[in-house]
Amino acid sequence: MLPEEVFKRRHFNTPESFFLITVNYVVVAIAFELFASCKQINSLFWISIALLALYNFYQIRREREEYNKVKIIAYIISLLGLVFMFFAFRSGSKPC
């Protein structure tokens, strides 16, 4: 039998920066599929990217003490990955 404390413990080892990076990729992928899969990019795509940028600003300001140099570098690399993902998706877009 396991003690009760095992079930009451929570897992707090996953950093918030991981969740922020994951949310960025998911939101950009969904926004691209909904608003920018054709040759012409809809303005709602840019609005969703602007809202995502505001969310990122809010999250980073709220958890400022968690972000050290390593996490900031990982975040910047993930943003470069988002730009690469945008151009990769655009190269395969179909005319509508």
PDB file of N, CA and C in Angstrom:
ATOM      1  N   MET A   1       0.826  -1.179   0.000  1.00  0.00           N
ATOM      2  CA  MET A   1       0.000   0.000   0.000  1.00  0.00           C
ATOM      3  C   MET A   1       0.875   1.251   0.000  1.00  0.00           C
ATOM      4  N   LEU A   2       0.406   2.237  -0.738  1.00  0.00           N
ATOM      5  CA  LEU A   2       1.101   3.520  -0.787  1.00  0.00           C
ATOM      6  C   LEU A   2       0.531   4.469   0.249  1.00  0.00           C
ATOM      7  N   PRO A   3       1.390   5.295   0.823  1.00  0.00           N
ATOM      8  CA  PRO A   3       0.852   6.275   1.782  1.00  0.00           C
ATOM      9  C   PRO A   3       0.032   7.350   1.081  1.00  0.00           C
ATOM     10  N   GLU A   4      -0.825   8.020   1.847  1.00  0.00           N
ATOM     11  CA  GLU A   4      -1.701   9.046   1.283  1.00  0.00           C
ATOM     12  C   GLU A   4      -0.937  10.226   0.712  1.00  0.00           C
ATOM     13  N   GLU A   5       0.243  10.496   1.228  1.00  0.00           N
ATOM     14  CA  GLU A   5       1.031  11.648   0.804  1.00  0.00           C
ATOM     15  C   GLU A   5       1.434  11.562  -0.665  1.00  0.00           C
ATOM     16  N   VAL A   6       1.547  10.356  -1.174  1.00  0.00           N
ATOM     17  CA  VAL A   6       1.937  10.177  -2.565  1.00  0.00           C
ATOM     18  C   VAL A   6       0.869  10.765  -3.490  1.00  0.00           C
ATOM     19  N   PHE A   7      -0.381  10.600  -3.149  1.00  0.00           N
ATOM     20  CA  PHE A   7      -1.460  11.079  -4.001  1.00  0.00           C
ATOM     21  C   PHE A   7      -1.718  12.569  -3.824  1.00  0.00           C
ATOM     22  N   LYS A   8      -1.293  13.143  -2.720  1.00  0.00           N
ATOM     23  CA  LYS A   8      -1.508  14.558  -2.469  1.00  0.00           C
ATOM     24  C   LYS A   8      -0.383  15.415  -3.053  1.00  0.00           C
ATOM     25  N   ARG A   9       0.734  14.813  -3.367  1.00  0.00           N
ATOM     26  CA  ARG A   9       1.858  15.562  -3.930  1.00  0.00           C
ATOM     27  C   ARG A   9       1.540  16.017  -5.335  1.00  0.00           C
ATOM     28  N   ARG A  10       2.059  17.185  -5.681  1.00  0.00           N
ATOM     29  CA  ARG A  10       1.868  17.692  -7.038  1.00  0.00           C
ATOM     30  C   ARG A  10       3.224  17.790  -7.710  1.00  0.00           C
ATOM     31  N   HIS A  11       3.188  17.789  -9.013  1.00  0.00           N
ATOM     32  CA  HIS A  11       4.419  17.842  -9.797  1.00  0.00           C
ATOM     33  C   HIS A  11       4.642  19.278 -10.259  1.00  0.00           C
ATOM     34  N   PHE A  12       5.632  19.942  -9.663  1.00  0.00           N
ATOM     35  CA  PHE A  12       5.914  21.325  -9.997  1.00  0.00           C
ATOM     36  C   PHE A  12       7.248  21.477 -10.716  1.00  0.00           C
ATOM     37  N   ASN A  13       7.745  20.444 -11.342  1.00  0.00           N
ATOM     38  CA  ASN A  13       9.058  20.516 -11.970  1.00  0.00           C
ATOM     39  C   ASN A  13       9.020  21.034 -13.401  1.00  0.00           C
ATOM     40  N   THR A  14       7.879  21.067 -14.042  1.00  0.00           N
ATOM     41  CA  THR A  14       7.796  21.565 -15.406  1.00  0.00           C
ATOM     42  C   THR A  14       7.799  23.095 -15.374  1.00  0.00           C
ATOM     43  N   PRO A  15       8.774  23.725 -16.027  1.00  0.00           N
ATOM     44  CA  PRO A  15       8.842  25.193 -15.965  1.00  0.00           C
ATOM     45  C   PRO A  15       7.744  25.841 -16.796  1.00  0.00           C
ATOM     46  N   GLU A  16       7.360  27.027 -16.387  1.00  0.00           N
ATOM     47  CA  GLU A  16       6.320  27.777 -17.088  1.00  0.00           C
ATOM     48  C   GLU A  16       6.764  28.167 -18.492  1.00  0.00           C
ATOM     49  N   SER A  17       8.066  28.329 -18.700  1.00  0.00           N
ATOM     50  CA  SER A  17       8.553  28.691 -20.033  1.00  0.00           C
ATOM     51  C   SER A  17       8.249  27.586 -21.044  1.00  0.00           C
ATOM     52  N   PHE A  18       8.251  26.335 -20.605  1.00  0.00           N
ATOM     53  CA  PHE A  18       7.892  25.224 -21.494  1.00  0.00           C
ATOM     54  C   PHE A  18       6.447  25.356 -21.959  1.00  0.00           C
ATOM     55  N   PHE A  19       5.556  25.693 -21.024  1.00  0.00           N
ATOM     56  CA  PHE A  19       4.154  25.861 -21.385  1.00  0.00           C
ATOM     57  C   PHE A  19       3.961  27.048 -22.329  1.00  0.00           C
ATOM     58  N   LEU A  20       4.710  28.119 -22.105  1.00  0.00           N
ATOM     59  CA  LEU A  20       4.600  29.293 -22.971  1.00  0.00           C
ATOM     60  C   LEU A  20       5.055  28.962 -24.392  1.00  0.00           C
ATOM     61  N   ILE A  21       6.152  28.250 -24.525  1.00  0.00           N
ATOM     62  CA  ILE A  21       6.658  27.876 -25.846  1.00  0.00           C
ATOM     63  C   ILE A  21       5.672  26.925 -26.535  1.00  0.00           C
ATOM     64  N   THR A  22       5.115  25.995 -25.793  1.00  0.00           N
ATOM     65  CA  THR A  22       4.149  25.058 -26.356  1.00  0.00           C
ATOM     66  C   THR A  22       2.888  25.788 -26.827  1.00  0.00           C
ATOM     67  N   VAL A  23       2.397  26.718 -26.031  1.00  0.00           N
ATOM     68  CA  VAL A  23       1.221  27.494 -26.420  1.00  0.00           C
ATOM     69  C   VAL A  23       1.509  28.295 -27.682  1.00  0.00           C
ATOM     70  N   ASN A  24       2.710  28.859 -27.779  1.00  0.00           N
ATOM     71  CA  ASN A  24       3.067  29.622 -28.979  1.00  0.00           C
ATOM     72  C   ASN A  24       2.967  28.761 -30.234  1.00  0.00           C
ATOM     73  N   TYR A  25       3.539  27.573 -30.196  1.00  0.00           N
ATOM     74  CA  TYR A  25       3.523  26.707 -31.372  1.00  0.00           C
ATOM     75  C   TYR A  25       2.106  26.256 -31.725  1.00  0.00           C
ATOM     76  N   VAL A  26       1.317  25.927 -30.722  1.00  0.00           N
ATOM     77  CA  VAL A  26      -0.037  25.457 -30.986  1.00  0.00           C
ATOM     78  C   VAL A  26      -0.892  26.582 -31.574  1.00  0.00           C
ATOM     79  N   VAL A  27      -0.803  27.776 -30.990  1.00  0.00           N
ATOM     80  CA  VAL A  27      -1.612  28.894 -31.470  1.00  0.00           C
ATOM     81  C   VAL A  27      -1.215  29.293 -32.887  1.00  0.00           C
ATOM     82  N   VAL A  28       0.079  29.343 -33.173  1.00  0.00           N
ATOM     83  CA  VAL A  28       0.516  29.718 -34.523  1.00  0.00           C
ATOM     84  C   VAL A  28       0.091  28.659 -35.538  1.00  0.00           C
ATOM     85  N   ALA A  29       0.192  27.386 -35.194  1.00  0.00           N
ATOM     86  CA  ALA A  29      -0.218  26.337 -36.131  1.00  0.00           C
ATOM     87  C   ALA A  29      -1.719  26.396 -36.408  1.00  0.00           C
ATOM     88  N   ILE A  30      -2.520  26.597 -35.372  1.00  0.00           N
ATOM     89  CA  ILE A  30      -3.967  26.678 -35.573  1.00  0.00           C
ATOM     90  C   ILE A  30      -4.341  27.942 -36.339  1.00  0.00           C
ATOM     91  N   ALA A  31      -3.730  29.074 -35.980  1.00  0.00           N
ATOM     92  CA  ALA A  31      -4.028  30.328 -36.683  1.00  0.00           C
ATOM     93  C   ALA A  31      -3.630  30.233 -38.146  1.00  0.00           C
ATOM     94  N   PHE A  32      -2.526  29.578 -38.426  1.00  0.00           N
ATOM     95  CA  PHE A  32      -2.119  29.438 -39.817  1.00  0.00           C
ATOM     96  C   PHE A  32      -3.117  28.600 -40.596  1.00  0.00           C
ATOM     97  N   GLU A  33      -3.542  27.501 -40.028  1.00  0.00           N
ATOM     98  CA  GLU A  33      -4.490  26.637 -40.723  1.00  0.00           C
ATOM     99  C   GLU A  33      -5.833  27.326 -40.945  1.00  0.00           C
ATOM    100  N   LEU A  34      -6.254  28.142 -40.002  1.00  0.00           N
ATOM    101  CA  LEU A  34      -7.549  28.800 -40.136  1.00  0.00           C
ATOM    102  C   LEU A  34      -7.511  30.026 -41.034  1.00  0.00           C
ATOM    103  N   PHE A  35      -6.447  30.843 -40.933  1.00  0.00           N
ATOM    104  CA  PHE A  35      -6.469  32.156 -41.564  1.00  0.00           C
ATOM    105  C   PHE A  35      -5.422  32.385 -42.639  1.00  0.00           C
ATOM    106  N   ALA A  36      -4.453  31.494 -42.800  1.00  0.00           N
ATOM    107  CA  ALA A  36      -3.380  31.791 -43.750  1.00  0.00           C
ATOM    108  C   ALA A  36      -2.994  30.601 -44.616  1.00  0.00           C
ATOM    109  N   SER A  37      -3.863  29.632 -44.773  1.00  0.00           N
ATOM    110  CA  SER A  37      -3.501  28.459 -45.568  1.00  0.00           C
ATOM    111  C   SER A  37      -3.582  28.719 -47.069  1.00  0.00           C
ATOM    112  N   CYS A  38      -4.241  29.779 -47.486  1.00  0.00           N
ATOM    113  CA  CYS A  38      -4.282  30.158 -48.899  1.00  0.00           C
ATOM    114  C   CYS A  38      -3.114  31.090 -49.208  1.00  0.00           C
ATOM    115  N   LYS A  39      -2.996  31.468 -50.474  1.00  0.00           N
ATOM    116  CA  LYS A  39      -1.911  32.376 -50.864  1.00  0.00           C
ATOM    117  C   LYS A  39      -2.047  33.744 -50.217  1.00  0.00           C
ATOM    118  N   GLN A  40      -3.270  34.183 -49.982  1.00  0.00           N
ATOM    119  CA  GLN A  40      -3.490  35.474 -49.346  1.00  0.00           C
ATOM    120  C   GLN A  40      -3.684  35.275 -47.844  1.00  0.00           C
ATOM    121  N   ILE A  41      -2.961  36.052 -47.032  1.00  0.00           N
ATOM    122  CA  ILE A  41      -3.043  35.935 -45.579  1.00  0.00           C
ATOM    123  C   ILE A  41      -4.161  36.843 -45.073  1.00  0.00           C
ATOM    124  N   ASN A  42      -5.071  36.269 -44.315  1.00  0.00           N
ATOM    125  CA  ASN A  42      -6.196  36.997 -43.752  1.00  0.00           C
ATOM    126  C   ASN A  42      -5.700  37.891 -42.611  1.00  0.00           C
ATOM    127  N   SER A  43      -6.356  39.017 -42.413  1.00  0.00           N
ATOM    128  CA  SER A  43      -5.938  39.934 -41.343  1.00  0.00           C
ATOM    129  C   SER A  43      -6.187  39.339 -39.958  1.00  0.00           C
ATOM    130  N   LEU A  44      -7.087  38.367 -39.843  1.00  0.00           N
ATOM    131  CA  LEU A  44      -7.313  37.718 -38.561  1.00  0.00           C
ATOM    132  C   LEU A  44      -6.082  36.933 -38.097  1.00  0.00           C
ATOM    133  N   PHE A  45      -5.267  36.486 -39.044  1.00  0.00           N
ATOM    134  CA  PHE A  45      -4.019  35.818 -38.672  1.00  0.00           C
ATOM    135  C   PHE A  45      -3.111  36.787 -37.938  1.00  0.00           C
ATOM    136  N   TRP A  46      -2.979  37.999 -38.467  1.00  0.00           N
ATOM    137  CA  TRP A  46      -2.101  38.984 -37.825  1.00  0.00           C
ATOM    138  C   TRP A  46      -2.673  39.440 -36.487  1.00  0.00           C
ATOM    139  N   ILE A  47      -3.985  39.488 -36.368  1.00  0.00           N
ATOM    140  CA  ILE A  47      -4.605  39.832 -35.086  1.00  0.00           C
ATOM    141  C   ILE A  47      -4.324  38.747 -34.055  1.00  0.00           C
ATOM    142  N   SER A  48      -4.419  37.486 -34.467  1.00  0.00           N
ATOM    143  CA  SER A  48      -4.134  36.390 -33.535  1.00  0.00           C
ATOM    144  C   SER A  48      -2.660  36.391 -33.133  1.00  0.00           C
ATOM    145  N   ILE A  49      -1.763  36.740 -34.048  1.00  0.00           N
ATOM    146  CA  ILE A  49      -0.338  36.823 -33.701  1.00  0.00           C
ATOM    147  C   ILE A  49      -0.099  37.985 -32.736  1.00  0.00           C
ATOM    148  N   ALA A  50      -0.792  39.109 -32.933  1.00  0.00           N
ATOM    149  CA  ALA A  50      -0.652  40.245 -32.018  1.00  0.00           C
ATOM    150  C   ALA A  50      -1.180  39.899 -30.623  1.00  0.00           C
ATOM    151  N   LEU A  51      -2.303  39.193 -30.556  1.00  0.00           N
ATOM    152  CA  LEU A  51      -2.828  38.766 -29.258  1.00  0.00           C
ATOM    153  C   LEU A  51      -1.880  37.779 -28.584  1.00  0.00           C
ATOM    154  N   LEU A  52      -1.263  36.918 -29.364  1.00  0.00           N
ATOM    155  CA  LEU A  52      -0.278  35.988 -28.812  1.00  0.00           C
ATOM    156  C   LEU A  52       0.935  36.737 -28.279  1.00  0.00           C
ATOM    157  N   ALA A  53       1.361  37.781 -28.968  1.00  0.00           N
ATOM    158  CA  ALA A  53       2.486  38.586 -28.493  1.00  0.00           C
ATOM    159  C   ALA A  53       2.136  39.282 -27.178  1.00  0.00           C
ATOM    160  N   LEU A  54       0.918  39.791 -27.061  1.00  0.00           N
ATOM    161  CA  LEU A  54       0.485  40.407 -25.802  1.00  0.00           C
ATOM    162  C   LEU A  54       0.456  39.385 -24.671  1.00  0.00           C
ATOM    163  N   TYR A  55      -0.013  38.184 -24.970  1.00  0.00           N
ATOM    164  CA  TYR A  55      -0.031  37.117 -23.971  1.00  0.00           C
ATOM    165  C   TYR A  55       1.388  36.770 -23.531  1.00  0.00           C
ATOM    166  N   ASN A  56       2.322  36.693 -24.482  1.00  0.00           N
ATOM    167  CA  ASN A  56       3.714  36.408 -24.139  1.00  0.00           C
ATOM    168  C   ASN A  56       4.298  37.498 -23.249  1.00  0.00           C
ATOM    169  N   PHE A  57       4.028  38.750 -23.595  1.00  0.00           N
ATOM    170  CA  PHE A  57       4.521  39.872 -22.795  1.00  0.00           C
ATOM    171  C   PHE A  57       3.988  39.789 -21.370  1.00  0.00           C
ATOM    172  N   TYR A  58       2.699  39.503 -21.241  1.00  0.00           N
ATOM    173  CA  TYR A  58       2.079  39.383 -19.928  1.00  0.00           C
ATOM    174  C   TYR A  58       2.689  38.242 -19.119  1.00  0.00           C
ATOM    175  N   GLN A  59       2.852  37.081 -19.732  1.00  0.00           N
ATOM    176  CA  GLN A  59       3.393  35.922 -19.027  1.00  0.00           C
ATOM    177  C   GLN A  59       4.835  36.144 -18.590  1.00  0.00           C
ATOM    178  N   ILE A  60       5.633  36.730 -19.453  1.00  0.00           N
ATOM    179  CA  ILE A  60       7.036  36.948 -19.111  1.00  0.00           C
ATOM    180  C   ILE A  60       7.153  37.997 -17.999  1.00  0.00           C
ATOM    181  N   ARG A  61       6.340  39.037 -18.044  1.00  0.00           N
ATOM    182  CA  ARG A  61       6.368  40.042 -16.975  1.00  0.00           C
ATOM    183  C   ARG A  61       5.862  39.465 -15.657  1.00  0.00           C
ATOM    184  N   ARG A  62       4.889  38.587 -15.715  1.00  0.00           N
ATOM    185  CA  ARG A  62       4.328  37.994 -14.499  1.00  0.00           C
ATOM    186  C   ARG A  62       5.309  37.038 -13.830  1.00  0.00           C
ATOM    187  N   GLU A  63       6.077  36.319 -14.619  1.00  0.00           N
ATOM    188  CA  GLU A  63       7.019  35.328 -14.083  1.00  0.00           C
ATOM    189  C   GLU A  63       8.452  35.730 -14.394  1.00  0.00           C
ATOM    190  N   ARG A  64       8.748  36.989 -14.162  1.00  0.00           N
ATOM    191  CA  ARG A  64      10.051  37.545 -14.508  1.00  0.00           C
ATOM    192  C   ARG A  64      11.197  36.848 -13.783  1.00  0.00           C
ATOM    193  N   GLU A  65      11.004  36.472 -12.519  1.00  0.00           N
ATOM    194  CA  GLU A  65      12.087  35.878 -11.743  1.00  0.00           C
ATOM    195  C   GLU A  65      12.449  34.477 -12.217  1.00  0.00           C
ATOM    196  N   GLU A  66      11.569  33.823 -12.952  1.00  0.00           N
ATOM    197  CA  GLU A  66      11.857  32.466 -13.431  1.00  0.00           C
ATOM    198  C   GLU A  66      12.789  32.462 -14.648  1.00  0.00           C
ATOM    199  N   TYR A  67      12.792  33.525 -15.415  1.00  0.00           N
ATOM    200  CA  TYR A  67      13.539  33.548 -16.667  1.00  0.00           C
ATOM    201  C   TYR A  67      14.995  33.946 -16.422  1.00  0.00           C
ATOM    202  N   ASN A  68      15.878  32.963 -16.547  1.00  0.00           N
ATOM    203  CA  ASN A  68      17.314  33.220 -16.492  1.00  0.00           C
ATOM    204  C   ASN A  68      17.848  33.219 -17.930  1.00  0.00           C
ATOM    205  N   LYS A  69      19.159  33.298 -18.089  1.00  0.00           N
ATOM    206  CA  LYS A  69      19.734  33.405 -19.436  1.00  0.00           C
ATOM    207  C   LYS A  69      19.420  32.192 -20.300  1.00  0.00           C
ATOM    208  N   VAL A  70      19.463  31.021 -19.720  1.00  0.00           N
ATOM    209  CA  VAL A  70      19.224  29.795 -20.494  1.00  0.00           C
ATOM    210  C   VAL A  70      17.785  29.759 -21.013  1.00  0.00           C
ATOM    211  N   LYS A  71      16.829  30.114 -20.175  1.00  0.00           N
ATOM    212  CA  LYS A  71      15.424  30.093 -20.594  1.00  0.00           C
ATOM    213  C   LYS A  71      15.125  31.202 -21.590  1.00  0.00           C
ATOM    214  N   ILE A  72      15.798  32.330 -21.468  1.00  0.00           N
ATOM    215  CA  ILE A  72      15.611  33.412 -22.442  1.00  0.00           C
ATOM    216  C   ILE A  72      16.164  33.002 -23.798  1.00  0.00           C
ATOM    217  N   ILE A  73      17.319  32.346 -23.811  1.00  0.00           N
ATOM    218  CA  ILE A  73      17.895  31.868 -25.072  1.00  0.00           C
ATOM    219  C   ILE A  73      16.988  30.813 -25.702  1.00  0.00           C
ATOM    220  N   ALA A  74      16.443  29.909 -24.892  1.00  0.00           N
ATOM    221  CA  ALA A  74      15.520  28.895 -25.410  1.00  0.00           C
ATOM    222  C   ALA A  74      14.259  29.542 -25.982  1.00  0.00           C
ATOM    223  N   TYR A  75      13.773  30.589 -25.323  1.00  0.00           N
ATOM    224  CA  TYR A  75      12.590  31.295 -25.806  1.00  0.00           C
ATOM    225  C   TYR A  75      12.868  31.986 -27.140  1.00  0.00           C
ATOM    226  N   ILE A  76      14.012  32.615 -27.275  1.00  0.00           N
ATOM    227  CA  ILE A  76      14.380  33.291 -28.528  1.00  0.00           C
ATOM    228  C   ILE A  76      14.539  32.270 -29.650  1.00  0.00           C
ATOM    229  N   ILE A  77      15.152  31.132 -29.358  1.00  0.00           N
ATOM    230  CA  ILE A  77      15.295  30.077 -30.368  1.00  0.00           C
ATOM    231  C   ILE A  77      13.920  29.560 -30.781  1.00  0.00           C
ATOM    232  N   SER A  78      12.990  29.461 -29.823  1.00  0.00           N
ATOM    233  CA  SER A  78      11.644  29.007 -30.179  1.00  0.00           C
ATOM    234  C   SER A  78      10.932  30.023 -31.061  1.00  0.00           C
ATOM    235  N   LEU A  79      11.182  31.314 -30.845  1.00  0.00           N
ATOM    236  CA  LEU A  79      10.592  32.325 -31.720  1.00  0.00           C
ATOM    237  C   LEU A  79      11.158  32.229 -33.131  1.00  0.00           C
ATOM    238  N   LEU A  80      12.439  31.950 -33.241  1.00  0.00           N
ATOM    239  CA  LEU A  80      13.030  31.733 -34.570  1.00  0.00           C
ATOM    240  C   LEU A  80      12.430  30.488 -35.226  1.00  0.00           C
ATOM    241  N   GLY A  81      12.134  29.484 -34.422  1.00  0.00           N
ATOM    242  CA  GLY A  81      11.457  28.295 -34.942  1.00  0.00           C
ATOM    243  C   GLY A  81      10.061  28.601 -35.440  1.00  0.00           C
ATOM    244  N   LEU A  82       9.373  29.527 -34.772  1.00  0.00           N
ATOM    245  CA  LEU A  82       8.041  29.930 -35.244  1.00  0.00           C
ATOM    246  C   LEU A  82       8.120  30.630 -36.593  1.00  0.00           C
ATOM    247  N   VAL A  83       9.146  31.466 -36.774  1.00  0.00           N
ATOM    248  CA  VAL A  83       9.321  32.134 -38.069  1.00  0.00           C
ATOM    249  C   VAL A  83       9.616  31.100 -39.147  1.00  0.00           C
ATOM    250  N   PHE A  84      10.470  30.134 -38.842  1.00  0.00           N
ATOM    251  CA  PHE A  84      10.768  29.059 -39.791  1.00  0.00           C
ATOM    252  C   PHE A  84       9.508  28.254 -40.108  1.00  0.00           C
ATOM    253  N   MET A  85       8.704  27.975 -39.081  1.00  0.00           N
ATOM    254  CA  MET A  85       7.470  27.225 -39.291  1.00  0.00           C
ATOM    255  C   MET A  85       6.507  28.001 -40.194  1.00  0.00           C
ATOM    256  N   PHE A  86       6.433  29.314 -40.018  1.00  0.00           N
ATOM    257  CA  PHE A  86       5.569  30.137 -40.864  1.00  0.00           C
ATOM    258  C   PHE A  86       5.981  30.023 -42.321  1.00  0.00           C
ATOM    259  N   PHE A  87       7.281  30.169 -42.611  1.00  0.00           N
ATOM    260  CA  PHE A  87       7.735  30.083 -43.996  1.00  0.00           C
ATOM    261  C   PHE A  87       7.624  28.669 -44.556  1.00  0.00           C
ATOM    262  N   ALA A  88       7.789  27.668 -43.715  1.00  0.00           N
ATOM    263  CA  ALA A  88       7.618  26.290 -44.182  1.00  0.00           C
ATOM    264  C   ALA A  88       6.157  26.020 -44.552  1.00  0.00           C
ATOM    265  N   PHE A  89       5.228  26.520 -43.738  1.00  0.00           N
ATOM    266  CA  PHE A  89       3.816  26.368 -44.048  1.00  0.00           C
ATOM    267  C   PHE A  89       3.424  27.160 -45.282  1.00  0.00           C
ATOM    268  N   ARG A  90       3.996  28.338 -45.440  1.00  0.00           N
ATOM    269  CA  ARG A  90       3.663  29.184 -46.597  1.00  0.00           C
ATOM    270  C   ARG A  90       4.161  28.567 -47.895  1.00  0.00           C
ATOM    271  N   SER A  91       5.262  27.837 -47.861  1.00  0.00           N
ATOM    272  CA  SER A  91       5.787  27.253 -49.099  1.00  0.00           C
ATOM    273  C   SER A  91       4.850  26.165 -49.634  1.00  0.00           C
ATOM    274  N   GLY A  92       4.082  25.544 -48.757  1.00  0.00           N
ATOM    275  CA  GLY A  92       3.172  24.479 -49.188  1.00  0.00           C
ATOM    276  C   GLY A  92       1.730  24.918 -49.295  1.00  0.00           C
ATOM    277  N   SER A  93       1.482  26.231 -49.266  1.00  0.00           N
ATOM    278  CA  SER A  93       0.086  26.698 -49.291  1.00  0.00           C
ATOM    279  C   SER A  93      -0.496  26.559 -50.691  1.00  0.00           C
ATOM    280  N   LYS A  94      -1.788  26.344 -50.727  1.00  0.00           N
ATOM    281  CA  LYS A  94      -2.479  26.122 -52.007  1.00  0.00           C
ATOM    282  C   LYS A  94      -3.183  27.411 -52.432  1.00  0.00           C
ATOM    283  N   PRO A  95      -3.355  27.608 -53.714  1.00  0.00           N
ATOM    284  CA  PRO A  95      -4.109  28.800 -54.148  1.00  0.00           C
ATOM    285  C   PRO A  95      -5.615  28.598 -53.879  1.00  0.00           C
ATOM    286  N   CYS A  96      -6.238  29.635 -53.393  1.00  0.00           N
ATOM    287  CA  CYS A  96      -7.687  29.553 -53.104  1.00  0.00           C
ATOM    288  C   CYS A  96      -8.479  30.467 -53.995  1.00  0.00           C
TER     289      CYS A  96
END
